[in-house]
Amino acid sequence: MTETLAFVMDMLVHATPLIVAGLAVAIAFRAGIWNIGADGQLIAGATAAAWIGVSTSTEIGWLALPLALIAGAIAGGAWAAIAAWLRSRFGVLEVISTIMLNFIAIYGVSYLVRGPLQEPTHVYPQTSSIVTGAHMPTLVAGTRLHWGFVIALVLAVTAWWVMRYSAAGFRIRASGANPFAARSAGLINVSRVTSVAFIVSGAIAGIAGAIEVSGVTFALYENISPGYGYTAIAVALLAGLNPLGVIGTGILFGALETAAGTMQRNIGVPATTASVIEAVVILAVIAVAQLRVHRATSVA
């Protein structure tokens, strides 16, 4: 396998959780929900998938994988539901609650992998390896690229179609664009729509965590997410909250992460350079958007 092919495969592996988590953020933001908790929801999904993977009998075979993915979606949705309930019941800002839930998820995993779910030797802060039936099949033989990337593409296309052509997508867009008009003129139950969108967003982020466990790590350990949920915010914003655009921006950020690791190994350039480049790209996009708004205002 050539170095170029290896780079492309690793890039797509890195891009997979970013695409799925980016979709989660894009859907929430389009509904007017500032879901900053995709990282915690991803970790919750990874935890549930790992639990299924280590506790399931090998006798069920291939059923272990869909069970792990479903468990990841349920856990991510449930984690988001906490913030959704606090928002609708007590008016708690989701920016605050989701950030706090991120830390709870991180330290919760630390407790689990050093306690109830720690591997039998109690040497490493991680779970045992998940059963083979819960492994994501390889997409390209001889590479690390798995079918999770295909799942990410399917989710992106499905989300694009739902947001663009379905009544549910219209209600989400209307609620996010102007909740007052949606409520009065559109007769939309904005509170219900935003809560459902919030939970769906969390479920998608949970799937990202489940894919990471079943396709890459094959176990749960501390710091399983190097900040995928936070990078996903940049992925979604750079794509203009367009689910199809998230595919491109997710691959872009995946390429940056892969290139950073390669440069650090080969020529000693710090991997944090990628974070600097990502920040510059985001600032440039924001600057261009503000410039367009300013020009439109000046013309008007």
Protein backbone atom coordinates (compact mmCIF):
# COMPACT_ATOMS: atom_id res chain seq x y z
CA MET A 1 0.00 0.00 0.00
CA THR A 2 1.46 3.35 -1.04
CA GLU A 3 1.95 6.16 1.44
CA THR A 4 -0.65 8.25 -0.40
CA LEU A 5 -3.30 5.55 -0.10
CA ALA A 6 -2.43 5.02 3.57
CA PHE A 7 -2.82 8.76 4.17
CA VAL A 8 -6.20 8.85 2.43
CA MET A 9 -7.48 5.87 4.41
CA ASP A 10 -6.33 7.35 7.72
CA MET A 11 -7.84 10.70 6.74
CA LEU A 12 -11.24 9.09 6.16
CA VAL A 13 -10.98 7.21 9.47
CA HIS A 14 -10.31 10.50 11.27
CA ALA A 15 -13.09 12.20 9.30
CA THR A 16 -15.78 9.65 10.21
CA PRO A 17 -16.50 10.76 13.81
CA LEU A 18 -16.18 14.40 12.74
CA ILE A 19 -18.80 13.98 10.01
CA VAL A 20 -21.28 12.21 12.28
CA ALA A 21 -20.74 14.57 15.24
CA GLY A 22 -20.82 17.52 12.82
CA LEU A 23 -24.25 16.38 11.63
CA ALA A 24 -25.41 16.27 15.25
CA VAL A 25 -24.28 19.85 15.82
CA ALA A 26 -25.69 21.08 12.50
CA ILE A 27 -29.17 19.70 13.23
CA ALA A 28 -29.23 21.22 16.71
CA PHE A 29 -27.99 24.60 15.51
CA ARG A 30 -30.55 24.68 12.68
CA ALA A 31 -33.23 24.19 15.33
CA GLY A 32 -31.86 27.15 17.29
CA ILE A 33 -30.28 24.94 19.96
CA TRP A 34 -26.71 25.67 20.96
CA ASN A 35 -25.70 22.09 21.62
CA ILE A 36 -22.10 22.33 22.86
CA GLY A 37 -22.38 18.86 24.35
CA ALA A 38 -21.72 16.68 21.32
CA ASP A 39 -18.49 15.53 22.96
CA GLY A 40 -20.29 14.30 26.08
CA GLN A 41 -23.01 12.68 23.98
CA LEU A 42 -20.35 10.98 21.86
CA ILE A 43 -18.64 9.68 25.01
CA ALA A 44 -21.99 8.44 26.36
CA GLY A 45 -22.57 6.57 23.10
CA ALA A 46 -19.07 5.10 23.18
CA THR A 47 -19.62 3.94 26.77
CA ALA A 48 -22.90 2.22 25.95
CA ALA A 49 -21.43 0.55 22.85
CA ALA A 50 -18.40 -0.66 24.82
CA TRP A 51 -20.65 -2.04 27.55
CA ILE A 52 -22.63 -3.99 24.96
CA GLY A 53 -19.41 -5.16 23.34
CA VAL A 54 -17.81 -6.51 26.51
CA SER A 55 -20.93 -7.95 28.14
CA THR A 56 -22.57 -9.57 25.12
CA SER A 57 -22.07 -13.26 24.49
CA THR A 58 -20.11 -14.21 21.39
CA GLU A 59 -22.95 -16.58 20.48
CA ILE A 60 -25.09 -13.77 19.05
CA GLY A 61 -22.42 -13.09 16.42
CA TRP A 62 -23.05 -10.20 14.03
CA LEU A 63 -26.04 -8.97 16.07
CA ALA A 64 -23.57 -7.47 18.55
CA LEU A 65 -22.68 -4.65 16.15
CA PRO A 66 -26.21 -3.28 15.51
CA LEU A 67 -26.93 -3.66 19.23
CA ALA A 68 -23.84 -1.58 20.02
CA LEU A 69 -24.85 1.12 17.52
CA ILE A 70 -28.42 1.22 18.84
CA ALA A 71 -27.15 1.40 22.42
CA GLY A 72 -24.85 4.27 21.43
CA ALA A 73 -27.73 6.18 19.85
CA ILE A 74 -29.97 5.64 22.89
CA ALA A 75 -27.23 6.71 25.32
CA GLY A 76 -26.36 9.84 23.30
CA GLY A 77 -30.02 10.77 23.00
CA ALA A 78 -30.59 10.22 26.71
CA TRP A 79 -27.58 12.37 27.57
CA ALA A 80 -28.94 15.18 25.39
CA ALA A 81 -32.42 14.68 26.87
CA ILE A 82 -31.11 15.79 30.26
CA ALA A 83 -30.15 19.19 28.86
CA ALA A 84 -33.35 19.33 26.78
CA TRP A 85 -35.46 18.75 29.91
CA LEU A 86 -33.54 21.36 31.90
CA ARG A 87 -34.06 23.81 29.03
CA SER A 88 -37.81 23.25 28.66
CA ARG A 89 -38.64 22.81 32.36
CA PHE A 90 -36.42 25.37 34.06
CA GLY A 91 -35.12 27.55 31.21
CA VAL A 92 -31.52 26.46 31.80
CA LEU A 93 -29.30 27.62 28.95
CA GLU A 94 -28.19 24.60 26.96
CA VAL A 95 -24.74 26.13 26.46
CA ILE A 96 -24.13 25.82 30.20
CA SER A 97 -25.84 22.47 30.80
CA THR A 98 -24.23 20.70 27.84
CA ILE A 99 -20.74 21.88 28.76
CA MET A 100 -21.26 20.65 32.32
CA LEU A 101 -22.56 17.33 31.01
CA ASN A 102 -19.40 16.99 28.92
CA PHE A 103 -17.29 17.00 32.08
CA ILE A 104 -19.64 14.57 33.81
CA ALA A 105 -19.27 12.18 30.86
CA ILE A 106 -15.47 12.47 30.87
CA TYR A 107 -15.12 11.81 34.59
CA GLY A 108 -17.83 9.16 34.45
CA VAL A 109 -15.74 7.21 31.94
CA SER A 110 -12.68 7.62 34.16
CA TYR A 111 -14.61 6.04 37.02
CA LEU A 112 -15.94 3.18 34.89
CA VAL A 113 -12.61 2.20 33.32
CA ARG A 114 -10.92 2.28 36.72
CA GLY A 115 -13.79 0.54 38.46
CA PRO A 116 -16.78 -1.54 37.29
CA LEU A 117 -15.73 -1.90 33.65
CA GLN A 118 -11.94 -2.12 34.04
CA GLU A 119 -10.20 -4.97 32.27
CA PRO A 120 -9.61 -8.11 34.40
CA THR A 121 -5.92 -7.52 35.19
CA HIS A 122 -6.69 -4.04 36.61
CA VAL A 123 -3.46 -2.72 35.10
CA TYR A 124 -4.77 -0.45 32.36
CA PRO A 125 -7.53 2.18 32.72
CA GLN A 126 -9.72 0.66 30.03
CA THR A 127 -12.32 -2.03 29.43
CA SER A 128 -11.67 -5.44 27.97
CA SER A 129 -11.76 -5.66 24.18
CA ILE A 130 -15.24 -5.88 22.72
CA VAL A 131 -16.41 -9.15 21.19
CA THR A 132 -15.49 -9.79 17.57
CA GLY A 133 -19.14 -9.62 16.52
CA ALA A 134 -19.23 -5.96 17.59
CA HIS A 135 -16.30 -5.02 15.33
CA MET A 136 -17.09 -2.76 12.40
CA PRO A 137 -16.15 -4.60 9.16
CA THR A 138 -13.25 -3.22 7.16
CA LEU A 139 -14.29 -1.29 4.07
CA VAL A 140 -10.96 -1.58 2.22
CA ALA A 141 -8.88 -4.69 2.84
CA GLY A 142 -5.49 -4.03 4.39
CA THR A 143 -6.46 -0.60 5.72
CA ARG A 144 -8.06 0.83 8.86
CA LEU A 145 -11.00 2.27 6.93
CA HIS A 146 -14.23 0.67 8.14
CA TRP A 147 -17.91 0.72 7.22
CA GLY A 148 -18.51 3.47 9.75
CA PHE A 149 -17.51 5.90 7.01
CA VAL A 150 -20.36 4.60 4.83
CA ILE A 151 -22.73 4.98 7.79
CA ALA A 152 -21.56 8.59 8.13
CA LEU A 153 -22.31 9.27 4.46
CA VAL A 154 -25.75 7.65 4.69
CA LEU A 155 -26.58 9.69 7.79
CA ALA A 156 -25.47 12.90 6.05
CA VAL A 157 -27.57 12.27 2.94
CA THR A 158 -30.58 11.24 5.04
CA ALA A 159 -30.27 14.33 7.25
CA TRP A 160 -30.01 16.56 4.15
CA TRP A 161 -33.16 15.03 2.64
CA VAL A 162 -35.12 15.28 5.90
CA MET A 163 -34.08 18.88 6.51
CA ARG A 164 -34.81 19.95 2.94
CA TYR A 165 -37.90 18.00 1.89
CA SER A 166 -39.78 16.73 4.94
CA ALA A 167 -42.33 18.47 7.15
CA ALA A 168 -40.21 17.66 10.19
CA GLY A 169 -37.23 19.37 8.57
CA PHE A 170 -39.32 22.43 7.77
CA ARG A 171 -40.48 22.66 11.38
CA ILE A 172 -36.89 22.44 12.60
CA ARG A 173 -35.73 25.15 10.20
CA ALA A 174 -38.69 27.39 10.98
CA SER A 175 -38.22 27.00 14.73
CA GLY A 176 -34.55 27.84 14.45
CA ALA A 177 -35.00 30.79 12.10
CA ASN A 178 -37.77 32.55 14.03
CA PRO A 179 -39.44 30.68 16.90
CA PHE A 180 -42.00 33.44 17.45
CA ALA A 181 -43.20 33.40 13.83
CA ALA A 182 -43.12 29.61 13.77
CA ARG A 183 -45.32 29.50 16.86
CA SER A 184 -47.82 32.17 15.86
CA ALA A 185 -48.02 32.00 12.07
CA GLY A 186 -46.89 28.42 11.51
CA LEU A 187 -48.80 26.92 14.44
CA ILE A 188 -45.67 24.92 15.33
CA ASN A 189 -45.10 23.58 18.82
CA VAL A 190 -41.62 25.08 19.01
CA SER A 191 -40.81 23.66 22.44
CA ARG A 192 -41.59 20.14 21.30
CA VAL A 193 -39.76 20.49 18.00
CA THR A 194 -36.60 21.85 19.61
CA SER A 195 -36.64 19.18 22.31
CA VAL A 196 -36.97 16.40 19.74
CA ALA A 197 -34.24 17.96 17.58
CA PHE A 198 -32.03 18.19 20.67
CA ILE A 199 -32.50 14.49 21.45
CA VAL A 200 -31.99 13.44 17.82
CA SER A 201 -28.80 15.51 17.77
CA GLY A 202 -27.56 13.68 20.85
CA ALA A 203 -28.48 10.30 19.37
CA ILE A 204 -26.44 11.02 16.24
CA ALA A 205 -23.46 12.10 18.36
CA GLY A 206 -23.89 8.87 20.34
CA ILE A 207 -23.67 6.90 17.09
CA ALA A 208 -20.35 8.64 16.41
CA GLY A 209 -19.05 7.31 19.72
CA ALA A 210 -20.34 3.82 19.01
CA ILE A 211 -18.67 3.83 15.59
CA GLU A 212 -15.38 4.91 17.17
CA VAL A 213 -15.48 2.02 19.66
CA SER A 214 -16.60 -0.61 17.15
CA GLY A 215 -14.38 0.55 14.29
CA VAL A 216 -11.21 2.03 15.80
CA THR A 217 -10.50 1.51 19.50
CA PHE A 218 -12.38 -1.77 20.19
CA ALA A 219 -12.43 -0.80 23.87
CA LEU A 220 -13.38 2.10 26.10
CA TYR A 221 -10.63 4.08 27.77
CA GLU A 222 -9.97 7.50 29.24
CA ASN A 223 -9.86 10.39 26.77
CA ILE A 224 -11.40 8.25 24.05
CA SER A 225 -12.49 11.50 22.39
CA PRO A 226 -9.68 13.96 21.69
CA GLY A 227 -12.31 16.70 21.42
CA TYR A 228 -14.28 15.39 18.45
CA GLY A 229 -17.44 17.06 19.72
CA TYR A 230 -15.79 20.47 19.90
CA THR A 231 -14.16 20.13 16.49
CA ALA A 232 -17.58 19.09 15.19
CA ILE A 233 -18.85 22.59 15.97
CA ALA A 234 -16.27 24.01 13.59
CA VAL A 235 -17.13 21.32 11.03
CA ALA A 236 -20.82 22.25 11.16
CA LEU A 237 -20.29 26.00 11.06
CA LEU A 238 -17.80 25.81 8.20
CA ALA A 239 -20.37 23.76 6.25
CA GLY A 240 -23.01 26.43 6.81
CA LEU A 241 -25.03 23.85 8.81
CA ASN A 242 -25.64 21.97 5.55
CA PRO A 243 -25.59 18.18 6.15
CA LEU A 244 -24.02 17.52 2.75
CA GLY A 245 -21.45 20.24 3.35
CA VAL A 246 -20.52 18.52 6.61
CA ILE A 247 -19.10 15.64 4.57
CA GLY A 248 -16.60 17.96 2.89
CA THR A 249 -15.63 19.91 5.99
CA GLY A 250 -15.37 16.70 8.04
CA ILE A 251 -12.93 15.28 5.48
CA LEU A 252 -11.02 18.59 5.49
CA PHE A 253 -10.56 18.52 9.25
CA GLY A 254 -9.77 14.81 9.09
CA ALA A 255 -7.01 15.59 6.59
CA LEU A 256 -5.62 18.28 8.89
CA GLU A 257 -5.55 15.88 11.85
CA THR A 258 -3.90 13.13 9.80
CA ALA A 259 -1.35 15.50 8.27
CA ALA A 260 -0.50 16.89 11.70
CA GLY A 261 0.26 13.42 13.03
CA THR A 262 2.34 12.58 9.97
CA MET A 263 4.37 15.81 10.22
CA GLN A 264 5.01 15.26 13.92
CA ARG A 265 6.33 11.75 13.27
CA ASN A 266 8.40 12.59 10.22
CA ILE A 267 9.77 16.10 10.74
CA GLY A 268 8.95 16.92 14.35
CA VAL A 269 6.32 19.60 13.68
CA PRO A 270 3.97 19.73 16.70
CA ALA A 271 0.57 18.13 16.05
CA THR A 272 -1.06 21.17 17.66
CA THR A 273 -0.27 23.01 14.43
CA ALA A 274 -3.45 21.48 13.06
CA SER A 275 -5.48 23.23 15.76
CA VAL A 276 -3.90 26.55 14.79
CA ILE A 277 -4.76 25.99 11.12
CA GLU A 278 -8.32 24.99 12.03
CA ALA A 279 -8.71 28.17 14.06
CA VAL A 280 -7.39 30.31 11.20
CA VAL A 281 -9.82 28.66 8.76
CA ILE A 282 -12.77 29.27 11.09
CA LEU A 283 -11.79 32.91 11.66
CA ALA A 284 -11.43 33.42 7.92
CA VAL A 285 -14.91 31.99 7.29
CA ILE A 286 -16.40 34.22 9.99
CA ALA A 287 -14.61 37.27 8.60
CA VAL A 288 -15.87 36.58 5.06
CA ALA A 289 -19.43 36.09 6.35
CA GLN A 290 -19.33 39.35 8.29
CA LEU A 291 -17.91 41.16 5.28
CA ARG A 292 -20.82 39.94 3.14
CA VAL A 293 -23.32 41.09 5.76
CA HIS A 294 -21.63 44.48 5.93
CA ARG A 295 -21.70 44.89 2.15
CA ALA A 296 -25.36 43.84 1.97
CA THR A 297 -26.23 46.34 4.69
CA SER A 298 -24.31 49.10 2.94
CA VAL A 299 -26.08 48.43 -0.37
CA ALA A 300 -29.48 48.41 1.31
